[in-house]
C-alpha atoms as a PDB file:
ATOM      1  CA  MET A   1       0.017  -0.105   0.192  1.00  0.00           C
ATOM      2  CA  ILE A   2       1.251   3.236  -0.935  1.00  0.00           C
ATOM      3  CA  SER A   3       1.528   5.940   2.041  1.00  0.00           C
ATOM      4  CA  SER A   4       0.075   9.234   1.632  1.00  0.00           C
ATOM      5  CA  THR A   5       3.747  10.783   1.687  1.00  0.00           C
ATOM      6  CA  GLY A   6       4.603   8.269  -0.831  1.00  0.00           C
ATOM      7  CA  ALA A   7       1.728   9.363  -3.238  1.00  0.00           C
ATOM      8  CA  LEU A   8       2.923  12.993  -3.035  1.00  0.00           C
ATOM      9  CA  ILE A   9       6.421  11.897  -3.654  1.00  0.00           C
ATOM     10  CA  LEU A  10       5.232   9.881  -7.018  1.00  0.00           C
ATOM     11  CA  LEU A  11       2.782  12.457  -8.041  1.00  0.00           C
ATOM     12  CA  VAL A  12       5.333  15.265  -8.378  1.00  0.00           C
ATOM     13  CA  PRO A  13       7.175  13.339 -11.354  1.00  0.00           C
ATOM     14  CA  VAL A  14       3.953  11.373 -12.618  1.00  0.00           C
ATOM     15  CA  LEU A  15       1.688  14.463 -13.275  1.00  0.00           C
ATOM     16  CA  PRO A  16       3.848  15.894 -16.209  1.00  0.00           C
ATOM     17  CA  ILE A  17       4.409  12.828 -17.665  1.00  0.00           C
ATOM     18  CA  ALA A  18       0.781  11.907 -17.661  1.00  0.00           C
ATOM     19  CA  ILE A  19      -0.114  15.336 -19.123  1.00  0.00           C
ATOM     20  CA  TRP A  20       2.490  14.800 -21.723  1.00  0.00           C
ATOM     21  CA  ALA A  21       1.492  11.220 -22.449  1.00  0.00           C
ATOM     22  CA  ALA A  22      -2.491  12.525 -22.658  1.00  0.00           C
ATOM     23  CA  GLY A  23      -1.645  15.421 -24.681  1.00  0.00           C
ATOM     24  CA  SER A  24       0.121  13.387 -27.258  1.00  0.00           C
ATOM     25  CA  ASP A  25      -2.449  10.871 -27.417  1.00  0.00           C
ATOM     26  CA  LEU A  26      -5.148  13.568 -28.141  1.00  0.00           C
ATOM     27  CA  LYS A  27      -2.889  15.356 -30.819  1.00  0.00           C
ATOM     28  CA  ARG A  28      -1.118  12.516 -32.459  1.00  0.00           C
ATOM     29  CA  MET A  29      -3.245   9.270 -31.261  1.00  0.00           C
ATOM     30  CA  LYS A  30       0.288   8.012 -30.066  1.00  0.00           C
ATOM     31  CA  ILE A  31       1.906   7.704 -26.548  1.00  0.00           C
ATOM     32  CA  PRO A  32       5.669   8.630 -27.013  1.00  0.00           C
ATOM     33  CA  ASN A  33       8.019   5.844 -25.948  1.00  0.00           C
ATOM     34  CA  LEU A  34       9.875   8.441 -23.971  1.00  0.00           C
ATOM     35  CA  SER A  35       7.026   9.008 -21.939  1.00  0.00           C
ATOM     36  CA  VAL A  36       6.529   5.416 -21.216  1.00  0.00           C
ATOM     37  CA  LEU A  37       9.996   5.206 -20.228  1.00  0.00           C
ATOM     38  CA  ALA A  38       9.953   8.104 -18.232  1.00  0.00           C
ATOM     39  CA  LEU A  39       6.841   6.814 -16.141  1.00  0.00           C
ATOM     40  CA  ALA A  40       8.727   3.363 -16.007  1.00  0.00           C
ATOM     41  CA  LEU A  41      11.435   4.778 -14.429  1.00  0.00           C
ATOM     42  CA  VAL A  42       9.559   6.406 -11.622  1.00  0.00           C
ATOM     43  CA  TRP A  43       9.216   3.061  -9.648  1.00  0.00           C
ATOM     44  CA  PRO A  44      12.472   2.091  -9.659  1.00  0.00           C
ATOM     45  CA  ALA A  45      13.795   5.473  -8.831  1.00  0.00           C
ATOM     46  CA  LEU A  46      11.164   6.518  -5.958  1.00  0.00           C
ATOM     47  CA  GLY A  47       8.780   3.685  -5.607  1.00  0.00           C
ATOM     48  CA  TRP A  48      10.651   2.353  -2.694  1.00  0.00           C
ATOM     49  CA  LEU A  49       9.924   5.736  -0.931  1.00  0.00           C
ATOM     50  CA  ALA A  50       6.127   5.183  -1.398  1.00  0.00           C
ATOM     51  CA  VAL A  51       5.641   1.880   0.061  1.00  0.00           C
ATOM     52  CA  ASP A  52       6.153   0.208   3.471  1.00  0.00           C
ATOM     53  CA  THR A  53       8.237  -2.774   2.594  1.00  0.00           C
ATOM     54  CA  TRP A  54      10.715  -4.040  -0.056  1.00  0.00           C
ATOM     55  CA  ALA A  55       8.525  -6.698  -0.773  1.00  0.00           C
ATOM     56  CA  SER A  56       5.507  -4.397  -1.841  1.00  0.00           C
ATOM     57  CA  TRP A  57       8.376  -2.322  -4.082  1.00  0.00           C
ATOM     58  CA  ALA A  58       9.293  -5.785  -5.553  1.00  0.00           C
ATOM     59  CA  TRP A  59       5.541  -6.729  -6.251  1.00  0.00           C
ATOM     60  CA  GLY A  60       5.347  -3.530  -8.162  1.00  0.00           C
ATOM     61  CA  PHE A  61       7.883  -4.838 -10.816  1.00  0.00           C
ATOM     62  CA  ALA A  62       5.983  -8.156 -10.881  1.00  0.00           C
ATOM     63  CA  LEU A  63       2.554  -6.221 -11.512  1.00  0.00           C
ATOM     64  CA  MET A  64       4.462  -4.031 -14.286  1.00  0.00           C
ATOM     65  CA  GLY A  65       5.260  -7.677 -16.087  1.00  0.00           C
ATOM     66  CA  ILE A  66       1.844  -8.853 -15.618  1.00  0.00           C
ATOM     67  CA  VAL A  67       0.142  -5.871 -17.304  1.00  0.00           C
ATOM     68  CA  LEU A  68       2.909  -5.622 -19.879  1.00  0.00           C
ATOM     69  CA  VAL A  69       2.040  -9.264 -21.021  1.00  0.00           C
ATOM     70  CA  SER A  70      -1.636  -8.822 -20.565  1.00  0.00           C
ATOM     71  CA  GLY A  71      -1.396  -5.622 -22.631  1.00  0.00           C
ATOM     72  CA  PHE A  72       0.550  -7.140 -25.366  1.00  0.00           C
ATOM     73  CA  LEU A  73      -2.093  -9.960 -25.524  1.00  0.00           C
ATOM     74  CA  LEU A  74      -4.798  -7.292 -25.711  1.00  0.00           C
ATOM     75  CA  TYR A  75      -2.792  -5.439 -28.803  1.00  0.00           C
ATOM     76  CA  THR A  76      -2.758  -8.711 -30.463  1.00  0.00           C
ATOM     77  CA  THR A  77      -6.369  -8.942 -30.551  1.00  0.00           C
ATOM     78  CA  GLY A  78      -6.779  -5.434 -31.616  1.00  0.00           C
ATOM     79  CA  THR A  79      -8.496  -4.373 -28.339  1.00  0.00           C
ATOM     80  CA  PHE A  80      -5.733  -2.147 -27.114  1.00  0.00           C
ATOM     81  CA  GLY A  81      -3.021  -0.107 -28.808  1.00  0.00           C
ATOM     82  CA  ALA A  82       0.533  -0.661 -28.187  1.00  0.00           C
ATOM     83  CA  GLY A  83       1.276   2.724 -26.709  1.00  0.00           C
ATOM     84  CA  ASP A  84      -1.670   2.246 -24.294  1.00  0.00           C
ATOM     85  CA  ALA A  85      -0.262  -1.393 -23.235  1.00  0.00           C
ATOM     86  CA  LYS A  86       3.170  -0.139 -22.555  1.00  0.00           C
ATOM     87  CA  PHE A  87       1.787   2.730 -20.528  1.00  0.00           C
ATOM     88  CA  ALA A  88      -0.548   0.943 -18.386  1.00  0.00           C
ATOM     89  CA  ALA A  89       2.231  -1.477 -17.850  1.00  0.00           C
ATOM     90  CA  ALA A  90       4.769   1.543 -16.890  1.00  0.00           C
ATOM     91  CA  MET A  91       1.865   3.065 -14.559  1.00  0.00           C
ATOM     92  CA  ALA A  92       0.890  -0.394 -12.937  1.00  0.00           C
ATOM     93  CA  PRO A  93       3.587  -0.698 -10.120  1.00  0.00           C
ATOM     94  CA  ILE A  94       1.847   2.564  -8.394  1.00  0.00           C
ATOM     95  CA  PHE A  95      -1.156   0.447  -7.658  1.00  0.00           C
ATOM     96  CA  VAL A  96       0.664  -2.316  -5.679  1.00  0.00           C
ATOM     97  CA  GLY A  97      -1.372  -3.357  -2.749  1.00  0.00           C
ATOM     98  CA  SER A  98      -4.299  -0.994  -3.663  1.00  0.00           C
ATOM     99  CA  SER A  99      -7.778  -1.945  -2.752  1.00  0.00           C
ATOM    100  CA  ILE A 100      -9.401  -3.412  -5.812  1.00  0.00           C
ATOM    101  CA  ALA A 101     -12.740  -1.923  -5.327  1.00  0.00           C
ATOM    102  CA  ARG A 102     -11.129   1.414  -4.995  1.00  0.00           C
ATOM    103  CA  PHE A 103      -9.003   0.987  -8.218  1.00  0.00           C
ATOM    104  CA  LEU A 104     -12.056  -0.524 -10.289  1.00  0.00           C
ATOM    105  CA  LEU A 105     -14.008   2.479  -9.147  1.00  0.00           C
ATOM    106  CA  ILE A 106     -11.445   5.148 -10.317  1.00  0.00           C
ATOM    107  CA  LEU A 107     -10.976   3.185 -13.481  1.00  0.00           C
ATOM    108  CA  LEU A 108     -14.512   3.105 -14.280  1.00  0.00           C
ATOM    109  CA  VAL A 109     -15.092   6.952 -13.486  1.00  0.00           C
ATOM    110  CA  CYS A 110     -11.818   7.817 -15.353  1.00  0.00           C
ATOM    111  CA  MET A 111     -12.666   5.977 -18.528  1.00  0.00           C
ATOM    112  CA  ILE A 112     -16.274   6.875 -18.700  1.00  0.00           C
ATOM    113  CA  GLY A 113     -15.300  10.565 -17.875  1.00  0.00           C
ATOM    114  CA  ALA A 114     -12.592  10.798 -20.247  1.00  0.00           C
ATOM    115  CA  LEU A 115     -14.556   9.530 -22.945  1.00  0.00           C
ATOM    116  CA  ILE A 116     -17.637  11.934 -22.150  1.00  0.00           C
ATOM    117  CA  LEU A 117     -14.987  14.748 -21.930  1.00  0.00           C
ATOM    118  CA  HIS A 118     -13.340  13.987 -25.066  1.00  0.00           C
ATOM    119  CA  ARG A 119     -16.860  13.693 -26.969  1.00  0.00           C
ATOM    120  CA  ILE A 120     -18.099  17.108 -25.516  1.00  0.00           C
ATOM    121  CA  ALA A 121     -14.791  18.744 -26.030  1.00  0.00           C
ATOM    122  CA  ARG A 122     -14.831  17.557 -29.796  1.00  0.00           C
ATOM    123  CA  SER A 123     -18.311  19.059 -30.385  1.00  0.00           C
ATOM    124  CA  ILE A 124     -17.323  22.611 -29.122  1.00  0.00           C
ATOM    125  CA  PRO A 125     -16.181  24.598 -32.183  1.00  0.00           C
ATOM    126  CA  ALA A 126     -13.878  27.047 -30.199  1.00  0.00           C
ATOM    127  CA  ILE A 127     -11.840  24.144 -28.849  1.00  0.00           C
ATOM    128  CA  ARG A 128     -11.725  22.440 -32.183  1.00  0.00           C
ATOM    129  CA  LYS A 129     -10.279  26.013 -33.601  1.00  0.00           C
ATOM    130  CA  MET A 130      -7.690  25.906 -30.686  1.00  0.00           C
ATOM    131  CA  THR A 131      -6.645  22.547 -31.653  1.00  0.00           C
ATOM    132  CA  PRO A 132      -7.206  21.801 -35.387  1.00  0.00           C
ATOM    133  CA  ASP A 133      -4.247  19.486 -35.803  1.00  0.00           C
ATOM    134  CA  TRP A 134      -5.466  16.847 -33.053  1.00  0.00           C
ATOM    135  CA  GLN A 135      -6.057  13.351 -34.787  1.00  0.00           C
ATOM    136  CA  SER A 136      -8.124  12.251 -31.923  1.00  0.00           C
ATOM    137  CA  TRP A 137     -11.103  14.701 -33.103  1.00  0.00           C
ATOM    138  CA  GLU A 138     -11.440  12.865 -36.452  1.00  0.00           C
ATOM    139  CA  GLN A 139     -11.253   9.481 -34.847  1.00  0.00           C
ATOM    140  CA  ARG A 140     -14.620   7.542 -34.646  1.00  0.00           C
ATOM    141  CA  ARG A 141     -13.473   4.043 -34.456  1.00  0.00           C
ATOM    142  CA  TYR A 142     -10.368   4.641 -31.801  1.00  0.00           C
ATOM    143  CA  PHE A 143     -10.417   6.692 -28.491  1.00  0.00           C
ATOM    144  CA  PRO A 144      -7.304   8.328 -27.031  1.00  0.00           C
ATOM    145  CA  LEU A 145      -6.947   5.802 -24.057  1.00  0.00           C
ATOM    146  CA  GLY A 146      -3.819   7.767 -22.834  1.00  0.00           C
ATOM    147  CA  LEU A 147      -6.237  10.348 -21.538  1.00  0.00           C
ATOM    148  CA  ALA A 148      -8.143   8.040 -19.549  1.00  0.00           C
ATOM    149  CA  LEU A 149      -4.839   5.850 -18.306  1.00  0.00           C
ATOM    150  CA  SER A 150      -3.102   9.463 -17.254  1.00  0.00           C
ATOM    151  CA  ALA A 151      -6.346  10.136 -15.332  1.00  0.00           C
ATOM    152  CA  ILE A 152      -6.446   7.065 -13.619  1.00  0.00           C
ATOM    153  CA  VAL A 153      -2.737   7.407 -12.092  1.00  0.00           C
ATOM    154  CA  VAL A 154      -3.226  10.789 -11.327  1.00  0.00           C
ATOM    155  CA  PHE A 155      -6.543  10.470  -9.490  1.00  0.00           C
ATOM    156  CA  TYR A 156      -5.143   7.462  -7.738  1.00  0.00           C
ATOM    157  CA  LEU A 157      -2.272   9.152  -6.074  1.00  0.00           C
ATOM    158  CA  VAL A 158      -4.461  12.292  -5.576  1.00  0.00           C
ATOM    159  CA  LEU A 159      -6.913  10.222  -3.443  1.00  0.00           C
ATOM    160  CA  ALA A 160      -3.878   8.330  -1.822  1.00  0.00           C
ATOM    161  CA  ILE A 161      -2.703  11.835  -0.463  1.00  0.00           C
ATOM    162  CA  TRP A 162      -5.734  11.846   1.496  1.00  0.00           C
ATOM    163  CA  PRO A 163      -6.280   8.156   2.432  1.00  0.00           C
ATOM    164  CA  GLN A 164      -9.536   8.822   4.564  1.00  0.00           C
ATOM    165  CA  VAL A 165     -11.426  10.099   1.374  1.00  0.00           C
END
Protein backbone atom coordinates (compact mmCIF):
# COMPACT_ATOMS: atom_id res chain seq x y z
CA MET A 1 0.00 0.00 0.00
CA ILE A 2 1.29 3.44 -0.87
CA SER A 3 1.57 5.92 1.98
CA SER A 4 0.14 9.42 1.63
CA THR A 5 3.66 10.86 1.66
CA GLY A 6 4.70 8.27 -0.91
CA ALA A 7 1.77 9.21 -3.12
CA LEU A 8 2.87 12.85 -3.02
CA ILE A 9 6.45 11.87 -3.84
CA LEU A 10 5.24 9.86 -6.85
CA LEU A 11 2.75 12.50 -7.98
CA VAL A 12 5.48 15.10 -8.55
CA PRO A 13 7.10 13.27 -11.51
CA VAL A 14 3.98 11.35 -12.59
CA LEU A 15 1.78 14.41 -13.18
CA PRO A 16 3.86 16.04 -15.96
CA ILE A 17 4.47 12.65 -17.59
CA ALA A 18 0.73 11.91 -17.53
CA ILE A 19 -0.08 15.31 -19.05
CA TRP A 20 2.54 14.72 -21.74
CA ALA A 21 1.19 11.27 -22.62
CA ALA A 22 -2.45 12.40 -22.63
CA GLY A 23 -1.68 15.47 -24.73
CA SER A 24 0.30 13.47 -27.24
CA ASP A 25 -2.41 10.83 -27.49
CA LEU A 26 -5.04 13.50 -28.07
CA LYS A 27 -2.94 15.24 -30.73
CA ARG A 28 -1.30 12.32 -32.55
CA MET A 29 -3.12 9.22 -31.26
CA LYS A 30 0.29 8.00 -30.06
CA ILE A 31 1.83 7.80 -26.61
CA PRO A 32 5.56 8.56 -26.97
CA ASN A 33 7.91 5.76 -25.96
CA LEU A 34 9.96 8.33 -24.08
CA SER A 35 6.98 9.15 -21.84
CA VAL A 36 6.46 5.43 -21.20
CA LEU A 37 10.14 5.05 -20.32
CA ALA A 38 10.01 8.10 -18.04
CA LEU A 39 6.98 6.71 -16.21
CA ALA A 40 8.55 3.25 -16.00
CA LEU A 41 11.63 4.77 -14.34
CA VAL A 42 9.58 6.46 -11.61
CA TRP A 43 8.98 3.16 -9.78
CA PRO A 44 12.62 1.98 -9.58
CA ALA A 45 13.76 5.48 -8.63
CA LEU A 46 11.07 6.51 -6.15
CA GLY A 47 8.71 3.60 -5.57
CA TRP A 48 10.71 2.29 -2.62
CA LEU A 49 10.01 5.60 -0.85
CA ALA A 50 6.27 5.19 -1.39
CA VAL A 51 5.68 1.72 0.06
CA ASP A 52 6.21 0.30 3.53
CA THR A 53 8.15 -2.87 2.61
CA TRP A 54 10.74 -3.97 0.11
CA ALA A 55 8.41 -6.84 -0.80
CA SER A 56 5.74 -4.35 -1.90
CA TRP A 57 8.32 -2.53 -4.00
CA ALA A 58 9.35 -5.84 -5.63
CA TRP A 59 5.71 -6.78 -6.25
CA GLY A 60 5.40 -3.53 -8.18
CA PHE A 61 7.83 -4.90 -10.77
CA ALA A 62 5.87 -8.15 -10.95
CA LEU A 63 2.68 -6.19 -11.51
CA MET A 64 4.41 -4.23 -14.28
CA GLY A 65 5.31 -7.49 -16.02
CA ILE A 66 1.83 -8.95 -15.64
CA VAL A 67 0.19 -5.84 -17.10
CA LEU A 68 2.74 -5.70 -19.93
CA VAL A 69 1.99 -9.30 -20.97
CA SER A 70 -1.76 -8.74 -20.63
CA GLY A 71 -1.55 -5.51 -22.61
CA PHE A 72 0.47 -7.21 -25.33
CA LEU A 73 -2.18 -9.94 -25.61
CA LEU A 74 -4.90 -7.29 -25.87
CA TYR A 75 -2.83 -5.49 -28.51
CA THR A 76 -2.56 -8.65 -30.61
CA THR A 77 -6.36 -8.91 -30.64
CA GLY A 78 -6.72 -5.27 -31.69
CA THR A 79 -8.43 -4.38 -28.42
CA PHE A 80 -5.69 -2.11 -27.10
CA GLY A 81 -3.03 0.08 -28.71
CA ALA A 82 0.64 -0.77 -28.20
CA GLY A 83 1.36 2.59 -26.58
CA ASP A 84 -1.62 2.14 -24.28
CA ALA A 85 -0.37 -1.31 -23.26
CA LYS A 86 3.12 -0.02 -22.52
CA PHE A 87 1.85 3.02 -20.63
CA ALA A 88 -0.52 0.86 -18.55
CA ALA A 89 2.39 -1.43 -17.66
CA ALA A 90 4.59 1.52 -16.71
CA MET A 91 1.94 2.90 -14.35
CA ALA A 92 0.92 -0.49 -12.89
CA PRO A 93 3.44 -0.65 -10.01
CA ILE A 94 1.93 2.46 -8.49
CA PHE A 95 -1.23 0.46 -7.71
CA VAL A 96 0.56 -2.28 -5.77
CA GLY A 97 -1.34 -3.17 -2.62
CA SER A 98 -4.29 -0.95 -3.45
CA SER A 99 -7.88 -1.88 -2.80
CA ILE A 100 -9.35 -3.59 -5.86
CA ALA A 101 -12.73 -1.94 -5.27
CA ARG A 102 -11.15 1.52 -5.05
CA PHE A 103 -9.03 0.90 -8.13
CA LEU A 104 -12.00 -0.35 -10.16
CA LEU A 105 -14.09 2.64 -9.13
CA ILE A 106 -11.33 5.06 -10.21
CA LEU A 107 -10.92 3.08 -13.45
CA LEU A 108 -14.63 3.22 -14.21
CA VAL A 109 -15.02 6.92 -13.41
CA CYS A 110 -11.91 7.93 -15.36
CA MET A 111 -12.70 5.81 -18.43
CA ILE A 112 -16.27 7.07 -18.69
CA GLY A 113 -15.27 10.61 -17.73
CA ALA A 114 -12.48 10.77 -20.31
CA LEU A 115 -14.79 9.47 -23.04
CA ILE A 116 -17.53 11.98 -22.19
CA LEU A 117 -15.06 14.86 -21.82
CA HIS A 118 -13.42 14.02 -25.15
CA ARG A 119 -16.75 13.77 -26.98
CA ILE A 120 -18.01 17.06 -25.51
CA ALA A 121 -14.75 18.89 -26.25
CA ARG A 122 -14.78 17.50 -29.80
CA SER A 123 -18.21 19.03 -30.39
CA ILE A 124 -17.29 22.55 -29.23
CA PRO A 125 -16.17 24.69 -32.20
CA ALA A 126 -13.96 27.00 -30.10
CA ILE A 127 -11.96 24.05 -28.80
CA ARG A 128 -11.68 22.55 -32.28
CA LYS A 129 -10.35 25.89 -33.60
CA MET A 130 -7.68 25.98 -30.86
CA THR A 131 -6.62 22.40 -31.63
CA PRO A 132 -7.21 21.89 -35.37
CA ASP A 133 -4.39 19.37 -35.80
CA TRP A 134 -5.56 16.92 -33.12
CA GLN A 135 -6.09 13.57 -34.78
CA SER A 136 -8.32 12.30 -31.97
CA TRP A 137 -11.09 14.65 -33.09
CA GLU A 138 -11.41 12.82 -36.40
CA GLN A 139 -11.19 9.29 -35.03
CA ARG A 140 -14.51 7.48 -34.88
CA ARG A 141 -13.25 3.96 -34.26
CA TYR A 142 -10.44 4.64 -31.77
CA PHE A 143 -10.33 6.60 -28.53
CA PRO A 144 -7.18 8.26 -27.10
CA LEU A 145 -6.91 5.91 -24.13
CA GLY A 146 -3.83 7.77 -22.90
CA LEU A 147 -6.21 10.45 -21.62
CA ALA A 148 -8.08 7.93 -19.45
CA LEU A 149 -4.91 6.09 -18.33
CA SER A 150 -3.28 9.35 -17.29
CA ALA A 151 -6.39 10.37 -15.37
CA ILE A 152 -6.47 7.01 -13.58
CA VAL A 153 -2.92 7.21 -12.25
CA VAL A 154 -3.17 10.90 -11.32
CA PHE A 155 -6.52 10.58 -9.53
CA TYR A 156 -5.33 7.46 -7.72
CA LEU A 157 -2.28 9.31 -6.38
CA VAL A 158 -4.29 12.41 -5.46
CA LEU A 159 -6.79 10.27 -3.55
CA ALA A 160 -3.96 8.33 -1.89
CA ILE A 161 -2.61 11.60 -0.48
CA TRP A 162 -5.83 11.84 1.52
CA PRO A 163 -6.42 8.18 2.50
CA GLN A 164 -9.58 8.86 4.51
CA VAL A 165 -11.41 10.04 1.37
